[in-house]
Amino acid sequence: MMHSRFLYVKFLSIWVHTFPFHDANDYMSLVSFLDACPSLETFALTTPTEPMEHESIIGDPSHPRQMPGHRHGKLKSMKVLGFNSTKSLIELMVHIIENTGSLESLSLDTTYYVVRCSDGISDTCSSMRKRTQMEAPRPLLAIQTHIQGKVPSTVKLDVLEPCSRCHAS
């Protein structure tokens, strides 16, 4: 738990560079950063780009953890780059959705694109990391199963999927 307060921070960007987290230090531990920034309006999270093994929520029969009592009253926008099916990341997303009444937009980018072919800048998508064929559908399934139904109608959910043209098998 963070004991400092960052009263004037409105934008927070966190890059997670290593994986896996230890049990006591997973994505849910980022809630303490949100609590330490009571004026936070925009939160951006980038997950590791290196190939990783993680505890996926897909096929996990246990119930997701919850952290009651944490409210994030000014958070309006959140974006996750490299969204994946890691159980603790899904738990963090559900926590934010359920405890942030001010949330207006949630963007979950299941890729690591720097440039997309649909942007008109390039003919192909550039990617910091390309997902394997087996891994690619897991983040989308996790979103459909654990997140979409919890997002209020007042929140714009934007799910960015791998480009079917550039990532066709």
N, C-alpha and C. Protein backbone atom coordinates (compact mmCIF):
# COMPACT_ATOMS: atom_id res chain seq x y z
N MET A 1 0.83 -1.18 0.00
CA MET A 1 0.00 0.00 0.00
C MET A 1 0.88 1.24 0.00
N MET A 2 0.55 2.19 -0.84
CA MET A 2 1.32 3.43 -0.90
C MET A 2 0.85 4.38 0.20
N HIS A 3 1.79 5.01 0.88
CA HIS A 3 1.45 5.93 1.95
C HIS A 3 1.50 7.37 1.47
N SER A 4 2.11 7.63 0.32
CA SER A 4 2.19 8.97 -0.23
C SER A 4 0.94 9.27 -1.03
N ARG A 5 0.65 10.53 -1.18
CA ARG A 5 -0.48 10.96 -1.99
C ARG A 5 0.06 11.91 -3.06
N PHE A 6 -0.42 11.72 -4.26
CA PHE A 6 -0.06 12.57 -5.38
C PHE A 6 -1.33 13.31 -5.78
N LEU A 7 -1.61 14.39 -5.05
CA LEU A 7 -2.89 15.07 -5.13
C LEU A 7 -3.19 15.70 -6.48
N TYR A 8 -2.17 16.05 -7.26
CA TYR A 8 -2.40 16.78 -8.50
C TYR A 8 -2.15 15.97 -9.77
N VAL A 9 -1.85 14.70 -9.63
CA VAL A 9 -1.59 13.86 -10.80
C VAL A 9 -2.91 13.58 -11.51
N LYS A 10 -2.98 13.98 -12.79
CA LYS A 10 -4.19 13.75 -13.58
C LYS A 10 -3.99 12.66 -14.63
N PHE A 11 -2.72 12.42 -15.01
CA PHE A 11 -2.41 11.41 -16.02
C PHE A 11 -1.33 10.50 -15.46
N LEU A 12 -1.59 9.20 -15.50
CA LEU A 12 -0.63 8.22 -15.00
C LEU A 12 -0.44 7.15 -16.06
N SER A 13 0.82 6.92 -16.43
CA SER A 13 1.15 5.88 -17.39
C SER A 13 2.14 4.92 -16.72
N ILE A 14 1.78 3.65 -16.71
CA ILE A 14 2.63 2.63 -16.10
C ILE A 14 2.99 1.60 -17.16
N TRP A 15 4.27 1.33 -17.28
CA TRP A 15 4.79 0.30 -18.17
C TRP A 15 5.28 -0.85 -17.30
N VAL A 16 4.71 -2.01 -17.50
CA VAL A 16 5.16 -3.19 -16.77
C VAL A 16 6.17 -3.89 -17.68
N HIS A 17 7.40 -4.03 -17.19
CA HIS A 17 8.46 -4.57 -18.04
C HIS A 17 8.78 -6.04 -17.80
N THR A 18 8.45 -6.54 -16.64
CA THR A 18 8.79 -7.93 -16.34
C THR A 18 7.56 -8.71 -15.93
N PHE A 19 7.63 -9.97 -16.14
CA PHE A 19 6.54 -10.88 -15.79
C PHE A 19 7.18 -12.21 -15.45
N PRO A 20 6.71 -13.04 -14.60
CA PRO A 20 5.47 -12.84 -13.86
C PRO A 20 5.70 -12.02 -12.60
N PHE A 21 4.64 -11.43 -12.12
CA PHE A 21 4.68 -10.78 -10.82
C PHE A 21 4.72 -11.86 -9.76
N HIS A 22 5.21 -11.52 -8.59
CA HIS A 22 5.10 -12.44 -7.46
C HIS A 22 3.69 -12.36 -6.93
N ASP A 23 3.26 -13.33 -6.13
CA ASP A 23 1.89 -13.38 -5.62
C ASP A 23 1.44 -12.06 -5.00
N ALA A 24 2.31 -11.43 -4.23
CA ALA A 24 1.94 -10.20 -3.54
C ALA A 24 2.09 -8.97 -4.42
N ASN A 25 2.59 -9.13 -5.63
CA ASN A 25 2.87 -7.97 -6.47
C ASN A 25 2.36 -8.23 -7.89
N ASP A 26 1.05 -8.29 -8.05
CA ASP A 26 0.47 -8.54 -9.36
C ASP A 26 -0.27 -7.29 -9.84
N TYR A 27 -1.01 -7.38 -10.94
CA TYR A 27 -1.70 -6.22 -11.49
C TYR A 27 -2.64 -5.57 -10.48
N MET A 28 -3.23 -6.34 -9.59
CA MET A 28 -4.12 -5.76 -8.57
C MET A 28 -3.36 -4.82 -7.64
N SER A 29 -2.05 -4.97 -7.53
CA SER A 29 -1.27 -4.07 -6.68
C SER A 29 -1.27 -2.64 -7.24
N LEU A 30 -1.65 -2.48 -8.51
CA LEU A 30 -1.70 -1.15 -9.11
C LEU A 30 -2.85 -0.31 -8.55
N VAL A 31 -3.78 -0.94 -7.86
CA VAL A 31 -4.88 -0.20 -7.22
C VAL A 31 -4.32 0.84 -6.25
N SER A 32 -3.21 0.53 -5.61
CA SER A 32 -2.62 1.48 -4.66
C SER A 32 -2.17 2.76 -5.37
N PHE A 33 -1.72 2.66 -6.63
CA PHE A 33 -1.37 3.86 -7.40
C PHE A 33 -2.61 4.69 -7.68
N LEU A 34 -3.71 4.03 -8.01
CA LEU A 34 -4.95 4.75 -8.27
C LEU A 34 -5.42 5.46 -7.00
N ASP A 35 -5.32 4.79 -5.87
CA ASP A 35 -5.71 5.40 -4.60
C ASP A 35 -4.82 6.58 -4.23
N ALA A 36 -3.55 6.52 -4.59
CA ALA A 36 -2.60 7.58 -4.24
C ALA A 36 -2.78 8.82 -5.11
N CYS A 37 -3.57 8.70 -6.16
CA CYS A 37 -3.78 9.82 -7.10
C CYS A 37 -5.27 10.17 -7.15
N PRO A 38 -5.78 10.88 -6.16
CA PRO A 38 -7.23 11.14 -6.10
C PRO A 38 -7.74 12.04 -7.22
N SER A 39 -6.87 12.78 -7.93
CA SER A 39 -7.29 13.64 -9.04
C SER A 39 -7.11 12.96 -10.40
N LEU A 40 -6.70 11.69 -10.40
CA LEU A 40 -6.39 10.98 -11.64
C LEU A 40 -7.60 10.93 -12.58
N GLU A 41 -7.37 11.35 -13.83
CA GLU A 41 -8.41 11.33 -14.84
C GLU A 41 -8.13 10.33 -15.95
N THR A 42 -6.84 10.10 -16.24
CA THR A 42 -6.45 9.20 -17.33
C THR A 42 -5.38 8.23 -16.83
N PHE A 43 -5.62 6.94 -17.07
CA PHE A 43 -4.68 5.91 -16.65
C PHE A 43 -4.34 5.05 -17.86
N ALA A 44 -3.05 4.96 -18.19
CA ALA A 44 -2.58 4.13 -19.30
C ALA A 44 -1.67 3.04 -18.74
N LEU A 45 -1.90 1.83 -19.18
CA LEU A 45 -1.12 0.68 -18.71
C LEU A 45 -0.60 -0.07 -19.93
N THR A 46 0.70 -0.32 -19.95
CA THR A 46 1.31 -1.11 -21.02
C THR A 46 1.89 -2.36 -20.39
N THR A 47 1.51 -3.51 -20.91
CA THR A 47 1.96 -4.79 -20.37
C THR A 47 3.24 -5.23 -21.07
N PRO A 48 3.92 -6.25 -20.55
CA PRO A 48 5.20 -6.69 -21.14
C PRO A 48 5.06 -7.08 -22.60
N THR A 49 6.11 -6.78 -23.37
CA THR A 49 6.09 -7.11 -24.79
C THR A 49 6.78 -8.43 -25.08
N GLU A 50 7.57 -8.92 -24.13
CA GLU A 50 8.27 -10.18 -24.38
C GLU A 50 7.29 -11.35 -24.23
N PRO A 51 7.56 -12.46 -24.93
CA PRO A 51 6.70 -13.63 -24.78
C PRO A 51 6.65 -14.02 -23.31
N MET A 52 5.47 -14.36 -22.84
CA MET A 52 5.33 -14.63 -21.43
C MET A 52 4.42 -15.81 -21.17
N GLU A 53 4.66 -16.43 -20.07
CA GLU A 53 3.76 -17.44 -19.54
C GLU A 53 3.02 -16.76 -18.41
N HIS A 54 1.72 -16.87 -18.39
CA HIS A 54 0.97 -16.24 -17.32
C HIS A 54 -0.21 -17.10 -16.92
N GLU A 55 -0.71 -16.81 -15.75
CA GLU A 55 -1.89 -17.51 -15.25
C GLU A 55 -3.10 -16.91 -15.93
N SER A 56 -3.55 -17.56 -17.00
CA SER A 56 -4.68 -17.06 -17.77
C SER A 56 -5.98 -17.31 -17.01
N ILE A 57 -6.92 -16.41 -17.17
CA ILE A 57 -8.24 -16.59 -16.57
C ILE A 57 -9.07 -17.59 -17.37
N ILE A 58 -8.66 -17.84 -18.62
CA ILE A 58 -9.37 -18.78 -19.48
C ILE A 58 -9.21 -20.19 -18.90
N GLY A 59 -10.33 -20.81 -18.60
CA GLY A 59 -10.32 -22.16 -18.05
C GLY A 59 -10.05 -22.22 -16.55
N ASP A 60 -9.97 -21.08 -15.89
CA ASP A 60 -9.72 -21.04 -14.44
C ASP A 60 -11.07 -21.04 -13.72
N PRO A 61 -11.38 -22.09 -12.95
CA PRO A 61 -12.68 -22.17 -12.29
C PRO A 61 -12.80 -21.31 -11.01
N SER A 62 -11.69 -20.78 -10.51
CA SER A 62 -11.76 -19.99 -9.27
C SER A 62 -12.39 -18.63 -9.54
N HIS A 63 -12.93 -18.04 -8.48
CA HIS A 63 -13.56 -16.73 -8.60
C HIS A 63 -12.50 -15.64 -8.56
N PRO A 64 -12.67 -14.61 -9.38
CA PRO A 64 -11.72 -13.49 -9.36
C PRO A 64 -11.73 -12.79 -8.00
N ARG A 65 -10.57 -12.28 -7.60
CA ARG A 65 -10.46 -11.53 -6.34
C ARG A 65 -11.13 -10.18 -6.49
N GLN A 66 -11.56 -9.65 -5.35
CA GLN A 66 -12.14 -8.31 -5.32
C GLN A 66 -11.48 -7.51 -4.22
N MET A 67 -11.43 -6.19 -4.40
CA MET A 67 -10.88 -5.29 -3.39
C MET A 67 -11.96 -4.26 -3.06
N PRO A 68 -12.86 -4.57 -2.15
CA PRO A 68 -13.92 -3.62 -1.82
C PRO A 68 -13.36 -2.39 -1.10
N GLY A 69 -14.10 -1.30 -1.19
CA GLY A 69 -13.74 -0.10 -0.46
C GLY A 69 -12.86 0.89 -1.19
N HIS A 70 -12.44 0.58 -2.39
CA HIS A 70 -11.60 1.50 -3.17
C HIS A 70 -12.48 2.16 -4.23
N ARG A 71 -12.61 3.49 -4.18
CA ARG A 71 -13.37 4.24 -5.17
C ARG A 71 -12.42 5.16 -5.93
N HIS A 72 -12.62 5.25 -7.20
CA HIS A 72 -11.78 6.08 -8.04
C HIS A 72 -12.67 7.12 -8.72
N GLY A 73 -12.96 8.18 -7.99
CA GLY A 73 -14.01 9.13 -8.34
C GLY A 73 -13.79 10.04 -9.52
N LYS A 74 -12.57 10.23 -9.98
CA LYS A 74 -12.34 11.17 -11.08
C LYS A 74 -11.80 10.52 -12.34
N LEU A 75 -11.52 9.23 -12.27
CA LEU A 75 -10.96 8.53 -13.43
C LEU A 75 -11.99 8.50 -14.56
N LYS A 76 -11.61 9.06 -15.71
CA LYS A 76 -12.53 9.13 -16.85
C LYS A 76 -12.12 8.20 -17.98
N SER A 77 -10.82 7.96 -18.12
CA SER A 77 -10.33 7.23 -19.28
C SER A 77 -9.23 6.26 -18.87
N MET A 78 -9.31 5.05 -19.43
CA MET A 78 -8.26 4.06 -19.19
C MET A 78 -7.97 3.35 -20.49
N LYS A 79 -6.66 3.12 -20.72
CA LYS A 79 -6.23 2.37 -21.90
C LYS A 79 -5.20 1.33 -21.48
N VAL A 80 -5.35 0.11 -22.01
CA VAL A 80 -4.38 -0.95 -21.77
C VAL A 80 -3.83 -1.36 -23.13
N LEU A 81 -2.52 -1.21 -23.29
CA LEU A 81 -1.84 -1.63 -24.51
C LEU A 81 -1.21 -3.00 -24.24
N GLY A 82 -1.51 -3.96 -25.10
CA GLY A 82 -1.02 -5.32 -24.90
C GLY A 82 -1.92 -6.10 -23.96
N PHE A 83 -3.22 -5.77 -23.96
CA PHE A 83 -4.16 -6.45 -23.08
C PHE A 83 -4.09 -7.96 -23.32
N ASN A 84 -4.05 -8.73 -22.24
CA ASN A 84 -3.96 -10.19 -22.35
C ASN A 84 -4.91 -10.83 -21.35
N SER A 85 -4.90 -12.13 -21.27
CA SER A 85 -5.86 -12.86 -20.43
C SER A 85 -5.31 -13.20 -19.05
N THR A 86 -4.27 -12.50 -18.61
CA THR A 86 -3.72 -12.72 -17.28
C THR A 86 -4.82 -12.51 -16.24
N LYS A 87 -4.97 -13.46 -15.34
CA LYS A 87 -6.05 -13.40 -14.35
C LYS A 87 -6.02 -12.11 -13.54
N SER A 88 -4.85 -11.69 -13.06
CA SER A 88 -4.79 -10.49 -12.23
C SER A 88 -5.09 -9.23 -13.04
N LEU A 89 -4.82 -9.22 -14.36
CA LEU A 89 -5.17 -8.07 -15.19
C LEU A 89 -6.68 -7.99 -15.36
N ILE A 90 -7.33 -9.11 -15.55
CA ILE A 90 -8.79 -9.14 -15.66
C ILE A 90 -9.40 -8.67 -14.33
N GLU A 91 -8.83 -9.13 -13.22
CA GLU A 91 -9.32 -8.69 -11.91
C GLU A 91 -9.19 -7.18 -11.74
N LEU A 92 -8.08 -6.61 -12.20
CA LEU A 92 -7.88 -5.15 -12.13
C LEU A 92 -8.93 -4.44 -12.99
N MET A 93 -9.17 -4.92 -14.19
CA MET A 93 -10.16 -4.29 -15.07
C MET A 93 -11.55 -4.31 -14.44
N VAL A 94 -11.94 -5.45 -13.91
CA VAL A 94 -13.26 -5.57 -13.26
C VAL A 94 -13.33 -4.63 -12.06
N HIS A 95 -12.25 -4.56 -11.29
CA HIS A 95 -12.21 -3.66 -10.13
C HIS A 95 -12.43 -2.21 -10.58
N ILE A 96 -11.74 -1.78 -11.62
CA ILE A 96 -11.87 -0.41 -12.09
C ILE A 96 -13.28 -0.15 -12.62
N ILE A 97 -13.82 -1.06 -13.39
CA ILE A 97 -15.18 -0.90 -13.92
C ILE A 97 -16.19 -0.78 -12.79
N GLU A 98 -16.07 -1.62 -11.78
CA GLU A 98 -17.05 -1.65 -10.69
C GLU A 98 -16.87 -0.53 -9.67
N ASN A 99 -15.71 0.11 -9.64
CA ASN A 99 -15.43 1.11 -8.61
C ASN A 99 -15.14 2.50 -9.16
N THR A 100 -15.50 2.74 -10.41
CA THR A 100 -15.23 4.04 -11.02
C THR A 100 -16.49 4.52 -11.72
N GLY A 101 -17.31 5.26 -11.00
CA GLY A 101 -18.55 5.78 -11.56
C GLY A 101 -18.33 6.87 -12.60
N SER A 102 -17.17 7.49 -12.60
CA SER A 102 -16.87 8.58 -13.53
C SER A 102 -16.27 8.10 -14.85
N LEU A 103 -16.03 6.80 -14.98
CA LEU A 103 -15.36 6.27 -16.17
C LEU A 103 -16.21 6.54 -17.42
N GLU A 104 -15.57 7.11 -18.45
CA GLU A 104 -16.24 7.41 -19.72
C GLU A 104 -15.76 6.52 -20.86
N SER A 105 -14.47 6.14 -20.84
CA SER A 105 -13.96 5.30 -21.92
C SER A 105 -12.93 4.30 -21.40
N LEU A 106 -12.99 3.11 -21.98
CA LEU A 106 -12.07 2.03 -21.65
C LEU A 106 -11.60 1.43 -22.97
N SER A 107 -10.30 1.51 -23.22
CA SER A 107 -9.73 0.99 -24.45
C SER A 107 -8.82 -0.19 -24.12
N LEU A 108 -9.11 -1.34 -24.70
CA LEU A 108 -8.33 -2.55 -24.47
C LEU A 108 -7.73 -2.96 -25.81
N ASP A 109 -6.43 -2.72 -25.96
CA ASP A 109 -5.72 -3.02 -27.19
C ASP A 109 -5.01 -4.36 -27.03
N THR A 110 -5.49 -5.36 -27.74
CA THR A 110 -4.95 -6.72 -27.60
C THR A 110 -3.68 -6.92 -28.42
N THR A 111 -3.16 -5.84 -28.98
CA THR A 111 -1.94 -5.91 -29.79
C THR A 111 -0.89 -4.98 -29.20
N TYR A 112 0.20 -4.88 -29.88
CA TYR A 112 1.26 -3.94 -29.52
C TYR A 112 1.58 -3.07 -30.72
N TYR A 113 0.57 -2.71 -31.49
CA TYR A 113 0.80 -1.94 -32.70
C TYR A 113 1.29 -0.54 -32.39
N VAL A 114 2.30 -0.14 -33.11
CA VAL A 114 2.75 1.25 -33.09
C VAL A 114 2.01 1.98 -34.21
N VAL A 115 1.96 1.34 -35.38
CA VAL A 115 1.25 1.88 -36.54
C VAL A 115 0.32 0.78 -37.06
N ARG A 116 -0.91 1.14 -37.37
CA ARG A 116 -1.87 0.19 -37.94
C ARG A 116 -2.05 0.49 -39.42
N CYS A 117 -2.25 -0.56 -40.22
CA CYS A 117 -2.45 -0.35 -41.66
C CYS A 117 -3.71 0.48 -41.89
N SER A 118 -4.68 0.39 -41.01
CA SER A 118 -5.92 1.16 -41.15
C SER A 118 -5.71 2.65 -40.91
N ASP A 119 -4.57 3.05 -40.34
CA ASP A 119 -4.27 4.47 -40.11
C ASP A 119 -3.91 5.20 -41.40
N GLY A 120 -3.60 4.44 -42.46
CA GLY A 120 -3.22 5.04 -43.73
C GLY A 120 -1.77 5.51 -43.79
N ILE A 121 -1.00 5.23 -42.75
CA ILE A 121 0.40 5.63 -42.70
C ILE A 121 1.28 4.58 -43.35
N SER A 122 0.88 3.32 -43.22
CA SER A 122 1.69 2.20 -43.71
C SER A 122 0.78 1.16 -44.35
N ASP A 123 1.37 0.32 -45.20
CA ASP A 123 0.60 -0.76 -45.83
C ASP A 123 0.41 -1.95 -44.91
N THR A 124 1.25 -2.05 -43.89
CA THR A 124 1.14 -3.16 -42.94
C THR A 124 1.23 -2.63 -41.52
N CYS A 125 0.70 -3.40 -40.59
CA CYS A 125 0.77 -3.03 -39.18
C CYS A 125 2.17 -3.32 -38.68
N SER A 126 2.73 -2.37 -37.96
CA SER A 126 4.02 -2.64 -37.30
C SER A 126 3.68 -3.09 -35.89
N SER A 127 4.41 -4.02 -35.40
CA SER A 127 4.11 -4.56 -34.09
C SER A 127 5.38 -4.73 -33.29
N MET A 128 5.31 -4.38 -32.01
CA MET A 128 6.45 -4.59 -31.12
C MET A 128 6.59 -6.08 -30.83
N ARG A 129 5.47 -6.80 -30.86
CA ARG A 129 5.47 -8.24 -30.61
C ARG A 129 4.26 -8.82 -31.29
N LYS A 130 4.44 -9.92 -31.98
CA LYS A 130 3.31 -10.59 -32.60
C LYS A 130 2.91 -11.79 -31.75
N ARG A 131 1.63 -11.90 -31.51
CA ARG A 131 1.13 -13.01 -30.70
C ARG A 131 1.13 -14.29 -31.52
N THR A 132 1.29 -15.40 -30.83
CA THR A 132 1.21 -16.69 -31.52
C THR A 132 -0.24 -16.96 -31.88
N GLN A 133 -0.47 -17.85 -32.82
CA GLN A 133 -1.83 -18.18 -33.24
C GLN A 133 -2.67 -18.67 -32.05
N MET A 134 -2.07 -19.45 -31.15
CA MET A 134 -2.80 -20.00 -30.02
C MET A 134 -3.14 -18.92 -28.99
N GLU A 135 -2.26 -17.96 -28.80
CA GLU A 135 -2.45 -16.93 -27.79
C GLU A 135 -3.42 -15.83 -28.24
N ALA A 136 -3.49 -15.55 -29.53
CA ALA A 136 -4.25 -14.41 -30.05
C ALA A 136 -5.72 -14.37 -29.63
N PRO A 137 -6.47 -15.47 -29.63
CA PRO A 137 -7.88 -15.38 -29.28
C PRO A 137 -8.16 -15.26 -27.77
N ARG A 138 -7.19 -15.55 -26.93
CA ARG A 138 -7.42 -15.56 -25.48
C ARG A 138 -7.83 -14.20 -24.91
N PRO A 139 -7.15 -13.09 -25.28
CA PRO A 139 -7.58 -11.80 -24.74
C PRO A 139 -9.01 -11.44 -25.13
N LEU A 140 -9.38 -11.73 -26.37
CA LEU A 140 -10.74 -11.42 -26.82
C LEU A 140 -11.77 -12.25 -26.07
N LEU A 141 -11.47 -13.53 -25.85
CA LEU A 141 -12.37 -14.38 -25.08
C LEU A 141 -12.50 -13.89 -23.64
N ALA A 142 -11.38 -13.46 -23.05
CA ALA A 142 -11.41 -12.93 -21.68
C ALA A 142 -12.26 -11.67 -21.60
N ILE A 143 -12.17 -10.80 -22.61
CA ILE A 143 -12.98 -9.58 -22.64
C ILE A 143 -14.45 -9.93 -22.74
N GLN A 144 -14.79 -10.83 -23.66
CA GLN A 144 -16.18 -11.23 -23.86
C GLN A 144 -16.76 -11.90 -22.62
N THR A 145 -15.97 -12.73 -21.97
CA THR A 145 -16.45 -13.52 -20.84
C THR A 145 -16.49 -12.75 -19.53
N HIS A 146 -15.50 -11.92 -19.27
CA HIS A 146 -15.35 -11.33 -17.94
C HIS A 146 -15.50 -9.81 -17.87
N ILE A 147 -15.48 -9.12 -19.00
CA ILE A 147 -15.48 -7.66 -18.95
C ILE A 147 -16.70 -7.02 -19.61
N GLN A 148 -17.02 -7.40 -20.84
CA GLN A 148 -18.07 -6.73 -21.60
C GLN A 148 -19.39 -6.61 -20.83
N GLY A 149 -19.81 -7.65 -20.17
CA GLY A 149 -21.08 -7.62 -19.45
C GLY A 149 -21.09 -6.73 -18.22
N LYS A 150 -19.93 -6.33 -17.76
CA LYS A 150 -19.81 -5.49 -16.56
C LYS A 150 -19.68 -4.00 -16.90
N VAL A 151 -19.40 -3.69 -18.16
CA VAL A 151 -19.20 -2.30 -18.57
C VAL A 151 -20.55 -1.60 -18.66
N PRO A 152 -20.73 -0.52 -17.89
CA PRO A 152 -22.00 0.22 -17.95
C PRO A 152 -22.22 0.83 -19.35
N SER A 153 -23.46 1.07 -19.69
CA SER A 153 -23.78 1.63 -21.01
C SER A 153 -23.23 3.04 -21.18
N THR A 154 -22.90 3.71 -20.08
CA THR A 154 -22.35 5.07 -20.14
C THR A 154 -20.86 5.08 -20.47
N VAL A 155 -20.22 3.91 -20.49
CA VAL A 155 -18.78 3.80 -20.76
C VAL A 155 -18.58 3.31 -22.19
N LYS A 156 -17.75 4.03 -22.94
CA LYS A 156 -17.42 3.61 -24.30
C LYS A 156 -16.31 2.58 -24.21
N LEU A 157 -16.61 1.33 -24.58
CA LEU A 157 -15.63 0.26 -24.59
C LEU A 157 -15.10 0.11 -26.01
N ASP A 158 -13.78 0.24 -26.14
CA ASP A 158 -13.12 0.10 -27.43
C ASP A 158 -12.15 -1.06 -27.33
N VAL A 159 -12.41 -2.12 -28.10
CA VAL A 159 -11.55 -3.29 -28.11
C VAL A 159 -10.82 -3.33 -29.44
N LEU A 160 -9.51 -3.22 -29.39
CA LEU A 160 -8.69 -3.24 -30.61
C LEU A 160 -8.13 -4.64 -30.78
N GLU A 161 -8.52 -5.28 -31.87
CA GLU A 161 -8.13 -6.66 -32.15
C GLU A 161 -6.96 -6.70 -33.14
N PRO A 162 -6.31 -7.86 -33.23
CA PRO A 162 -5.27 -7.98 -34.25
C PRO A 162 -5.86 -7.77 -35.64
N CYS A 163 -5.12 -7.15 -36.50
CA CYS A 163 -5.54 -6.88 -37.86
C CYS A 163 -5.66 -8.21 -38.63
N SER A 164 -6.82 -8.49 -39.17
CA SER A 164 -7.02 -9.77 -39.87
C SER A 164 -6.22 -9.83 -41.17
N ARG A 165 -5.97 -8.70 -41.79
CA ARG A 165 -5.20 -8.69 -43.04
C ARG A 165 -3.73 -8.97 -42.79
N CYS A 166 -3.17 -8.29 -41.79
CA CYS A 166 -1.73 -8.43 -41.53
C CYS A 166 -1.39 -9.69 -40.71
N HIS A 167 -2.38 -10.22 -40.01
CA HIS A 167 -2.12 -11.38 -39.16
C HIS A 167 -2.88 -12.62 -39.63
N ALA A 168 -3.20 -12.68 -40.90
CA ALA A 168 -3.84 -13.87 -41.46
C ALA A 168 -2.81 -14.99 -41.46
N SER A 169 -3.28 -16.21 -41.15
CA SER A 169 -2.34 -17.33 -41.08
C SER A 169 -1.94 -17.79 -42.45
